C-alpha cells in the first residue's frame, strides 16, 4: 500500500489549520507589513520542495510553500476584516 497521498493530505489539512491563526495573530501584532517574511519562507519552502528527493516530504514542502504564499493575500484580507470590526484591532497599535 502507498500511504504518501494520505500523509500529504493530512499535512495539507494540518498546515492550513495552523496558518489561519498565525495570519490572524501576525496581522494583530505586526500589521500586514510582515508579508515579506511569508514571501521569503514560501520561496525557501518551494526551493526545498524542488531539491528534496523523498516524494512525500517534497509534497509537504510544496503545500507549505503555497500556504505561505497564500498567507500574503490573507494578511491583506485580515486587515479588511479588522477594519470592518469582525476581528479585534490591537489597541497598542497607532492608527
PDB file of N, CA and C in Angstrom:
ATOM      1  N   UNK A   1       0.837  -1.191   0.000  1.00  0.00           N
ATOM      2  CA  UNK A   1       0.000   0.000   0.000  1.00  0.00           C
ATOM      3  C   UNK A   1       0.873   1.242   0.000  1.00  0.00           C
ATOM      4  N   UNK A   2       0.361   2.265  -0.652  1.00  0.00           N
ATOM      5  CA  UNK A   2       1.075   3.532  -0.733  1.00  0.00           C
ATOM      6  C   UNK A   2       0.295   4.577   0.062  1.00  0.00           C
ATOM      7  N   UNK A   3       0.864   5.006   1.159  1.00  0.00           N
ATOM      8  CA  UNK A   3       0.194   5.953   2.049  1.00  0.00           C
ATOM      9  C   UNK A   3       0.633   7.397   1.821  1.00  0.00           C
ATOM     10  N   UNK A   4       1.502   7.649   0.864  1.00  0.00           N
ATOM     11  CA  UNK A   4       2.044   9.003   0.707  1.00  0.00           C
ATOM     12  C   UNK A   4       0.960  10.025   0.391  1.00  0.00           C
ATOM     13  N   UNK A   5      -0.037   9.671  -0.418  1.00  0.00           N
ATOM     14  CA  UNK A   5      -1.124  10.605  -0.721  1.00  0.00           C
ATOM     15  C   UNK A   5      -1.931  10.966   0.508  1.00  0.00           C
ATOM     16  N   UNK A   6      -2.219   9.965   1.344  1.00  0.00           N
ATOM     17  CA  UNK A   6      -2.957  10.209   2.583  1.00  0.00           C
ATOM     18  C   UNK A   6      -2.133  11.069   3.532  1.00  0.00           C
ATOM     19  N   UNK A   7      -0.851  10.778   3.630  1.00  0.00           N
ATOM     20  CA  UNK A   7       0.033  11.556   4.508  1.00  0.00           C
ATOM     21  C   UNK A   7       0.104  13.002   4.053  1.00  0.00           C
ATOM     22  N   UNK A   8       0.249  13.215   2.738  1.00  0.00           N
ATOM     23  CA  UNK A   8       0.302  14.580   2.209  1.00  0.00           C
ATOM     24  C   UNK A   8      -1.024  15.294   2.478  1.00  0.00           C
ATOM     25  N   UNK A   9      -2.139  14.601   2.299  1.00  0.00           N
ATOM     26  CA  UNK A   9      -3.447  15.201   2.571  1.00  0.00           C
ATOM     27  C   UNK A   9      -3.614  15.602   4.019  1.00  0.00           C
ATOM     28  N   UNK A  10      -3.174  14.749   4.919  1.00  0.00           N
ATOM     29  CA  UNK A  10      -3.253  15.059   6.350  1.00  0.00           C
ATOM     30  C   UNK A  10      -2.426  16.300   6.668  1.00  0.00           C
ATOM     31  N   UNK A  11      -1.203  16.349   6.113  1.00  0.00           N
ATOM     32  CA  UNK A  11      -0.355  17.506   6.365  1.00  0.00           C
ATOM     33  C   UNK A  11      -0.923  18.772   5.730  1.00  0.00           C
ATOM     34  N   UNK A  12      -1.579  18.653   4.577  1.00  0.00           N
ATOM     35  CA  UNK A  12      -2.220  19.825   3.965  1.00  0.00           C
ATOM     36  C   UNK A  12      -3.292  20.378   4.896  1.00  0.00           C
ATOM     37  N   UNK A  13      -4.080  19.497   5.472  1.00  0.00           N
ATOM     38  CA  UNK A  13      -5.122  19.890   6.411  1.00  0.00           C
ATOM     39  C   UNK A  13      -4.516  20.554   7.652  1.00  0.00           C
ATOM     40  N   UNK A  14      -3.475  19.951   8.194  1.00  0.00           N
ATOM     41  CA  UNK A  14      -2.835  20.476   9.404  1.00  0.00           C
ATOM     42  C   UNK A  14      -2.171  21.822   9.141  1.00  0.00           C
ATOM     43  N   UNK A  15      -1.420  21.917   8.043  1.00  0.00           N
ATOM     44  CA  UNK A  15      -0.710  23.157   7.723  1.00  0.00           C
ATOM     45  C   UNK A  15      -1.695  24.300   7.520  1.00  0.00           C
ATOM     46  N   UNK A  16      -2.764  24.040   6.793  1.00  0.00           N
ATOM     47  CA  UNK A  16      -3.770  25.071   6.563  1.00  0.00           C
ATOM     48  C   UNK A  16      -4.407  25.497   7.882  1.00  0.00           C
ATOM     49  N   UNK A  17      -4.714  24.542   8.736  1.00  0.00           N
ATOM     50  CA  UNK A  17      -5.309  24.846  10.032  1.00  0.00           C
ATOM     51  C   UNK A  17      -4.387  25.621  10.950  1.00  0.00           C
ATOM     52  N   UNK A  18      -3.110  25.338  10.871  1.00  0.00           N
ATOM     53  CA  UNK A  18      -2.138  26.037  11.718  1.00  0.00           C
ATOM     54  C   UNK A  18      -1.946  27.476  11.265  1.00  0.00           C
ATOM     55  N   UNK A  19      -1.936  27.696   9.955  1.00  0.00           N
ATOM     56  CA  UNK A  19      -1.609  29.029   9.463  1.00  0.00           C
ATOM     57  C   UNK A  19      -2.757  30.023   9.541  1.00  0.00           C
ATOM     58  N   UNK A  20      -3.994  29.570   9.709  1.00  0.00           N
ATOM     59  CA  UNK A  20      -5.084  30.539   9.882  1.00  0.00           C
ATOM     60  C   UNK A  20      -4.873  31.394  11.127  1.00  0.00           C
ATOM     61  N   UNK A  21      -4.664  30.798  12.306  1.00  0.00           N
ATOM     62  CA  UNK A  21      -4.430  31.660  13.474  1.00  0.00           C
ATOM     63  C   UNK A  21      -3.106  32.419  13.398  1.00  0.00           C
ATOM     64  N   UNK A  22      -2.117  31.875  12.693  1.00  0.00           N
ATOM     65  CA  UNK A  22      -0.849  32.599  12.539  1.00  0.00           C
ATOM     66  C   UNK A  22      -1.075  33.890  11.769  1.00  0.00           C
ATOM     67  N   UNK A  23      -1.891  33.841  10.721  1.00  0.00           N
ATOM     68  CA  UNK A  23      -2.198  35.045   9.950  1.00  0.00           C
ATOM     69  C   UNK A  23      -2.935  36.053  10.822  1.00  0.00           C
ATOM     70  N   UNK A  24      -3.907  35.592  11.588  1.00  0.00           N
ATOM     71  CA  UNK A  24      -4.679  36.488  12.453  1.00  0.00           C
ATOM     72  C   UNK A  24      -3.762  37.159  13.469  1.00  0.00           C
ATOM     73  N   UNK A  25      -2.917  36.379  14.125  1.00  0.00           N
ATOM     74  CA  UNK A  25      -2.007  36.944  15.136  1.00  0.00           C
ATOM     75  C   UNK A  25      -0.948  37.839  14.500  1.00  0.00           C
ATOM     76  N   UNK A  26      -0.473  37.469  13.315  1.00  0.00           N
ATOM     77  CA  UNK A  26       0.532  38.289  12.628  1.00  0.00           C
ATOM     78  C   UNK A  26      -0.021  39.660  12.295  1.00  0.00           C
ATOM     79  N   UNK A  27      -1.258  39.704  11.809  1.00  0.00           N
ATOM     80  CA  UNK A  27      -1.872  40.990  11.495  1.00  0.00           C
ATOM     81  C   UNK A  27      -2.100  41.781  12.775  1.00  0.00           C
ATOM     82  N   UNK A  28      -2.497  41.123  13.844  1.00  0.00           N
ATOM     83  CA  UNK A  28      -2.772  41.793  15.111  1.00  0.00           C
ATOM     84  C   UNK A  28      -1.518  42.458  15.668  1.00  0.00           C
ATOM     85  N   UNK A  29      -0.395  41.721  15.682  1.00  0.00           N
ATOM     86  CA  UNK A  29       0.823  42.237  16.311  1.00  0.00           C
ATOM     87  C   UNK A  29       1.731  43.023  15.362  1.00  0.00           C
ATOM     88  N   UNK A  30       1.745  42.678  14.073  1.00  0.00           N
ATOM     89  CA  UNK A  30       2.732  43.267  13.162  1.00  0.00           C
ATOM     90  C   UNK A  30       2.120  43.991  11.968  1.00  0.00           C
ATOM     91  N   UNK A  31       0.815  44.024  11.831  1.00  0.00           N
ATOM     92  CA  UNK A  31       0.084  44.525  10.667  1.00  0.00           C
ATOM     93  C   UNK A  31       0.435  43.682   9.439  1.00  0.00           C
ATOM     94  N   UNK A  32      -0.090  44.105   8.306  1.00  0.00           N
ATOM     95  CA  UNK A  32       0.175  43.338   7.090  1.00  0.00           C
ATOM     96  C   UNK A  32       1.582  43.584   6.544  1.00  0.00           C
ATOM     97  N   UNK A  33       2.335  44.449   7.197  1.00  0.00           N
ATOM     98  CA  UNK A  33       3.699  44.752   6.754  1.00  0.00           C
ATOM     99  C   UNK A  33       4.663  43.585   6.955  1.00  0.00           C
ATOM    100  N   UNK A  34       4.195  42.526   7.590  1.00  0.00           N
ATOM    101  CA  UNK A  34       5.038  41.354   7.804  1.00  0.00           C
ATOM    102  C   UNK A  34       5.032  40.425   6.582  1.00  0.00           C
ATOM    103  N   UNK A  35       4.320  40.802   5.535  1.00  0.00           N
ATOM    104  CA  UNK A  35       4.180  39.923   4.377  1.00  0.00           C
ATOM    105  C   UNK A  35       5.511  39.484   3.763  1.00  0.00           C
ATOM    106  N   UNK A  36       6.593  40.287   3.781  1.00  0.00           N
ATOM    107  CA  UNK A  36       7.840  39.790   3.190  1.00  0.00           C
ATOM    108  C   UNK A  36       8.378  38.534   3.882  1.00  0.00           C
ATOM    109  N   UNK A  37       8.113  38.386   5.166  1.00  0.00           N
ATOM    110  CA  UNK A  37       8.543  37.181   5.872  1.00  0.00           C
ATOM    111  C   UNK A  37       7.849  35.947   5.292  1.00  0.00           C
ATOM    112  N   UNK A  38       6.554  36.057   5.048  1.00  0.00           N
ATOM    113  CA  UNK A  38       5.817  34.952   4.444  1.00  0.00           C
ATOM    114  C   UNK A  38       6.337  34.660   3.026  1.00  0.00           C
ATOM    115  N   UNK A  39       6.686  35.704   2.297  1.00  0.00           N
ATOM    116  CA  UNK A  39       7.230  35.530   0.950  1.00  0.00           C
ATOM    117  C   UNK A  39       8.559  34.782   0.987  1.00  0.00           C
ATOM    118  N   UNK A  40       9.440  35.198   1.852  1.00  0.00           N
ATOM    119  CA  UNK A  40      10.754  34.548   1.967  1.00  0.00           C
ATOM    120  C   UNK A  40      10.609  33.095   2.388  1.00  0.00           C
ATOM    121  N   UNK A  41       9.788  32.846   3.400  1.00  0.00           N
ATOM    122  CA  UNK A  41       9.584  31.465   3.852  1.00  0.00           C
ATOM    123  C   UNK A  41       8.915  30.618   2.772  1.00  0.00           C
ATOM    124  N   UNK A  42       8.016  31.216   2.001  1.00  0.00           N
ATOM    125  CA  UNK A  42       7.365  30.499   0.907  1.00  0.00           C
ATOM    126  C   UNK A  42       8.352  30.128  -0.190  1.00  0.00           C
ATOM    127  N   UNK A  43       9.248  31.041  -0.517  1.00  0.00           N
ATOM    128  CA  UNK A  43      10.262  30.764  -1.538  1.00  0.00           C
ATOM    129  C   UNK A  43      11.231  29.687  -1.055  1.00  0.00           C
ATOM    130  N   UNK A  44      11.634  29.766   0.201  1.00  0.00           N
ATOM    131  CA  UNK A  44      12.531  28.746   0.760  1.00  0.00           C
ATOM    132  C   UNK A  44      11.853  27.380   0.746  1.00  0.00           C
ATOM    133  N   UNK A  45      10.585  27.340   1.131  1.00  0.00           N
ATOM    134  CA  UNK A  45       9.860  26.060   1.137  1.00  0.00           C
ATOM    135  C   UNK A  45       9.713  25.502  -0.276  1.00  0.00           C
ATOM    136  N   UNK A  46       9.470  26.369  -1.251  1.00  0.00           N
ATOM    137  CA  UNK A  46       9.357  25.918  -2.637  1.00  0.00           C
ATOM    138  C   UNK A  46      10.696  25.357  -3.119  1.00  0.00           C
ATOM    139  N   UNK A  47      11.774  26.031  -2.764  1.00  0.00           N
ATOM    140  CA  UNK A  47      13.102  25.548  -3.142  1.00  0.00           C
ATOM    141  C   UNK A  47      13.383  24.191  -2.507  1.00  0.00           C
ATOM    142  N   UNK A  48      13.052  24.052  -1.227  1.00  0.00           N
ATOM    143  CA  UNK A  48      13.251  22.766  -0.553  1.00  0.00           C
ATOM    144  C   UNK A  48      12.407  21.670  -1.199  1.00  0.00           C
ATOM    145  N   UNK A  49      11.207  22.028  -1.615  1.00  0.00           N
ATOM    146  CA  UNK A  49      10.347  21.065  -2.290  1.00  0.00           C
ATOM    147  C   UNK A  49      10.989  20.555  -3.578  1.00  0.00           C
ATOM    148  N   UNK A  50      11.723  21.423  -4.245  1.00  0.00           N
ATOM    149  CA  UNK A  50      12.376  21.038  -5.503  1.00  0.00           C
ATOM    150  C   UNK A  50      13.603  20.155  -5.303  1.00  0.00           C
ATOM    151  N   UNK A  51      14.311  20.346  -4.203  1.00  0.00           N
ATOM    152  CA  UNK A  51      15.571  19.611  -4.043  1.00  0.00           C
ATOM    153  C   UNK A  51      15.459  18.353  -3.186  1.00  0.00           C
ATOM    154  N   UNK A  52      14.379  18.224  -2.414  1.00  0.00           N
ATOM    155  CA  UNK A  52      14.217  17.039  -1.563  1.00  0.00           C
ATOM    156  C   UNK A  52      13.848  15.841  -2.433  1.00  0.00           C
ATOM    157  N   UNK A  53      14.514  14.732  -2.234  1.00  0.00           N
ATOM    158  CA  UNK A  53      14.313  13.536  -3.045  1.00  0.00           C
ATOM    159  C   UNK A  53      13.087  12.725  -2.637  1.00  0.00           C
ATOM    160  N   UNK A  54      12.727  12.757  -1.382  1.00  0.00           N
ATOM    161  CA  UNK A  54      11.575  11.998  -0.888  1.00  0.00           C
ATOM    162  C   UNK A  54      10.287  12.651  -1.400  1.00  0.00           C
ATOM    163  N   UNK A  55       9.474  11.887  -2.127  1.00  0.00           N
ATOM    164  CA  UNK A  55       8.272  12.440  -2.746  1.00  0.00           C
ATOM    165  C   UNK A  55       7.268  12.963  -1.728  1.00  0.00           C
ATOM    166  N   UNK A  56       7.083  12.255  -0.642  1.00  0.00           N
ATOM    167  CA  UNK A  56       6.123  12.682   0.374  1.00  0.00           C
ATOM    168  C   UNK A  56       6.576  13.985   1.023  1.00  0.00           C
ATOM    169  N   UNK A  57       7.816  14.041   1.437  1.00  0.00           N
ATOM    170  CA  UNK A  57       8.351  15.239   2.075  1.00  0.00           C
ATOM    171  C   UNK A  57       8.392  16.410   1.094  1.00  0.00           C
ATOM    172  N   UNK A  58       8.714  16.136  -0.151  1.00  0.00           N
ATOM    173  CA  UNK A  58       8.706  17.170  -1.177  1.00  0.00           C
ATOM    174  C   UNK A  58       7.300  17.739  -1.357  1.00  0.00           C
ATOM    175  N   UNK A  59       6.301  16.870  -1.358  1.00  0.00           N
ATOM    176  CA  UNK A  59       4.915  17.323  -1.474  1.00  0.00           C
ATOM    177  C   UNK A  59       4.485  18.173  -0.298  1.00  0.00           C
ATOM    178  N   UNK A  60       4.911  17.782   0.890  1.00  0.00           N
ATOM    179  CA  UNK A  60       4.561  18.544   2.091  1.00  0.00           C
ATOM    180  C   UNK A  60       5.178  19.938   2.034  1.00  0.00           C
ATOM    181  N   UNK A  61       6.428  20.039   1.599  1.00  0.00           N
ATOM    182  CA  UNK A  61       7.067  21.349   1.473  1.00  0.00           C
ATOM    183  C   UNK A  61       6.428  22.168   0.357  1.00  0.00           C
ATOM    184  N   UNK A  62       5.971  21.502  -0.693  1.00  0.00           N
ATOM    185  CA  UNK A  62       5.257  22.208  -1.752  1.00  0.00           C
ATOM    186  C   UNK A  62       3.968  22.815  -1.236  1.00  0.00           C
ATOM    187  N   UNK A  63       3.226  22.058  -0.465  1.00  0.00           N
ATOM    188  CA  UNK A  63       1.996  22.573   0.139  1.00  0.00           C
ATOM    189  C   UNK A  63       2.312  23.712   1.089  1.00  0.00           C
ATOM    190  N   UNK A  64       3.330  23.538   1.905  1.00  0.00           N
ATOM    191  CA  UNK A  64       3.735  24.588   2.838  1.00  0.00           C
ATOM    192  C   UNK A  64       4.081  25.869   2.098  1.00  0.00           C
ATOM    193  N   UNK A  65       4.792  25.744   0.984  1.00  0.00           N
ATOM    194  CA  UNK A  65       5.191  26.943   0.240  1.00  0.00           C
ATOM    195  C   UNK A  65       3.975  27.702  -0.281  1.00  0.00           C
ATOM    196  N   UNK A  66       2.999  26.991  -0.814  1.00  0.00           N
ATOM    197  CA  UNK A  66       1.829  27.681  -1.343  1.00  0.00           C
ATOM    198  C   UNK A  66       0.928  28.223  -0.244  1.00  0.00           C
ATOM    199  N   UNK A  67       0.878  27.565   0.892  1.00  0.00           N
ATOM    200  CA  UNK A  67       0.122  28.106   2.023  1.00  0.00           C
ATOM    201  C   UNK A  67       0.783  29.395   2.518  1.00  0.00           C
ATOM    202  N   UNK A  68       2.106  29.401   2.580  1.00  0.00           N
ATOM    203  CA  UNK A  68       2.812  30.613   2.999  1.00  0.00           C
ATOM    204  C   UNK A  68       2.575  31.759   2.019  1.00  0.00           C
ATOM    205  N   UNK A  69       2.569  31.461   0.737  1.00  0.00           N
ATOM    206  CA  UNK A  69       2.310  32.497  -0.260  1.00  0.00           C
ATOM    207  C   UNK A  69       0.855  32.961  -0.197  1.00  0.00           C
ATOM    208  N   UNK A  70      -0.064  32.052   0.080  1.00  0.00           N
ATOM    209  CA  UNK A  70      -1.474  32.404   0.239  1.00  0.00           C
ATOM    210  C   UNK A  70      -1.669  33.302   1.459  1.00  0.00           C
ATOM    211  N   UNK A  71      -0.823  33.123   2.468  1.00  0.00           N
ATOM    212  CA  UNK A  71      -0.921  33.940   3.683  1.00  0.00           C
ATOM    213  C   UNK A  71      -0.736  35.425   3.379  1.00  0.00           C
ATOM    214  N   UNK A  72       0.026  35.738   2.341  1.00  0.00           N
ATOM    215  CA  UNK A  72       0.229  37.144   1.975  1.00  0.00           C
ATOM    216  C   UNK A  72      -1.113  37.773   1.617  1.00  0.00           C
ATOM    217  N   UNK A  73      -1.890  37.071   0.818  1.00  0.00           N
ATOM    218  CA  UNK A  73      -3.218  37.572   0.448  1.00  0.00           C
ATOM    219  C   UNK A  73      -4.131  37.616   1.667  1.00  0.00           C
ATOM    220  N   UNK A  74      -4.046  36.600   2.493  1.00  0.00           N
ATOM    221  CA  UNK A  74      -4.902  36.551   3.679  1.00  0.00           C
ATOM    222  C   UNK A  74      -4.570  37.662   4.669  1.00  0.00           C
ATOM    223  N   UNK A  75      -3.307  38.089   4.729  1.00  0.00           N
ATOM    224  CA  UNK A  75      -2.956  39.208   5.599  1.00  0.00           C
ATOM    225  C   UNK A  75      -3.700  40.466   5.167  1.00  0.00           C
ATOM    226  N   UNK A  76      -3.753  40.705   3.861  1.00  0.00           N
ATOM    227  CA  UNK A  76      -4.472  41.871   3.349  1.00  0.00           C
ATOM    228  C   UNK A  76      -5.972  41.742   3.618  1.00  0.00           C
ATOM    229  N   UNK A  77      -6.499  40.542   3.455  1.00  0.00           N
ATOM    230  CA  UNK A  77      -7.915  40.309   3.748  1.00  0.00           C
ATOM    231  C   UNK A  77      -8.199  40.471   5.243  1.00  0.00           C
ATOM    232  N   UNK A  78      -7.268  40.029   6.069  1.00  0.00           N
ATOM    233  CA  UNK A  78      -7.435  40.149   7.519  1.00  0.00           C
ATOM    234  C   UNK A  78      -7.471  41.610   7.932  1.00  0.00           C
ATOM    235  N   UNK A  79      -6.676  42.437   7.279  1.00  0.00           N
ATOM    236  CA  UNK A  79      -6.702  43.870   7.563  1.00  0.00           C
ATOM    237  C   UNK A  79      -8.089  44.433   7.279  1.00  0.00           C
ATOM    238  N   UNK A  80      -8.692  43.996   6.184  1.00  0.00           N
ATOM    239  CA  UNK A  80     -10.050  44.456   5.848  1.00  0.00           C
ATOM    240  C   UNK A  80     -11.061  43.960   6.874  1.00  0.00           C
ATOM    241  N   UNK A  81     -10.874  42.727   7.338  1.00  0.00           N
ATOM    242  CA  UNK A  81     -11.786  42.173   8.350  1.00  0.00           C
ATOM    243  C   UNK A  81     -11.707  42.966   9.657  1.00  0.00           C
ATOM    244  N   UNK A  82     -10.492  43.374  10.016  1.00  0.00           N
ATOM    245  CA  UNK A  82     -10.306  44.173  11.234  1.00  0.00           C
ATOM    246  C   UNK A  82     -10.974  45.532  11.063  1.00  0.00           C
ATOM    247  N   UNK A  83     -10.826  46.144   9.889  1.00  0.00           N
ATOM    248  CA  UNK A  83     -11.450  47.445   9.635  1.00  0.00           C
ATOM    249  C   UNK A  83     -12.975  47.356   9.710  1.00  0.00           C
ATOM    250  N   UNK A  84     -13.534  46.219   9.318  1.00  0.00           N
ATOM    251  CA  UNK A  84     -14.977  46.020   9.370  1.00  0.00           C
ATOM    252  C   UNK A  84     -15.453  45.698  10.785  1.00  0.00           C
ATOM    253  N   UNK A  85     -14.518  45.406  11.689  1.00  0.00           N
ATOM    254  CA  UNK A  85     -14.869  45.086  13.065  1.00  0.00           C
ATOM    255  C   UNK A  85     -15.129  43.608  13.308  1.00  0.00           C
ATOM    256  N   UNK A  86     -14.806  42.770  12.351  1.00  0.00           N
ATOM    257  CA  UNK A  86     -15.036  41.327  12.502  1.00  0.00           C
ATOM    258  C   UNK A  86     -14.001  40.701  13.432  1.00  0.00           C
ATOM    259  N   UNK A  87     -12.813  41.313  13.514  1.00  0.00           N
ATOM    260  CA  UNK A  87     -11.728  40.839  14.383  1.00  0.00           C
ATOM    261  C   UNK A  87     -11.243  42.027  15.203  1.00  0.00           C
ATOM    262  N   UNK A  88     -10.715  41.780  16.396  1.00  0.00           N
ATOM    263  CA  UNK A  88     -10.264  42.895  17.226  1.00  0.00           C
ATOM    264  C   UNK A  88      -9.005  43.559  16.662  1.00  0.00           C
ATOM    265  N   UNK A  89      -8.933  44.871  16.873  1.00  0.00           N
ATOM    266  CA  UNK A  89      -7.756  45.633  16.485  1.00  0.00           C
ATOM    267  C   UNK A  89      -6.846  45.736  17.694  1.00  0.00           C
ATOM    268  N   UNK A  90      -5.563  45.676  17.479  1.00  0.00           N
ATOM    269  CA  UNK A  90      -4.587  45.793  18.560  1.00  0.00           C
ATOM    270  C   UNK A  90      -4.664  47.211  19.129  1.00  0.00           C
ATOM    271  N   UNK A  91      -5.051  47.358  20.394  1.00  0.00           N
ATOM    272  CA  UNK A  91      -5.191  48.701  20.963  1.00  0.00           C
ATOM    273  C   UNK A  91      -3.862  49.438  21.112  1.00  0.00           C
ATOM    274  N   UNK A  92      -2.759  48.726  21.122  1.00  0.00           N
ATOM    275  CA  UNK A  92      -1.447  49.348  21.266  1.00  0.00           C
ATOM    276  C   UNK A  92      -0.926  49.910  19.947  1.00  0.00           C
ATOM    277  N   UNK A  93      -1.568  49.523  18.839  1.00  0.00           N
ATOM    278  CA  UNK A  93      -1.117  49.966  17.524  1.00  0.00           C
ATOM    279  C   UNK A  93      -1.631  51.384  17.258  1.00  0.00           C
ATOM    280  N   UNK A  94      -0.758  52.199  16.688  1.00  0.00           N
ATOM    281  CA  UNK A  94      -1.167  53.566  16.321  1.00  0.00           C
ATOM    282  C   UNK A  94      -2.004  53.496  15.060  1.00  0.00           C
ATOM    283  N   UNK A  95      -3.042  54.307  15.013  1.00  0.00           N
ATOM    284  CA  UNK A  95      -3.938  54.318  13.847  1.00  0.00           C
ATOM    285  C   UNK A  95      -3.331  55.023  12.673  1.00  0.00           C
TER     286      UNK A  95
END
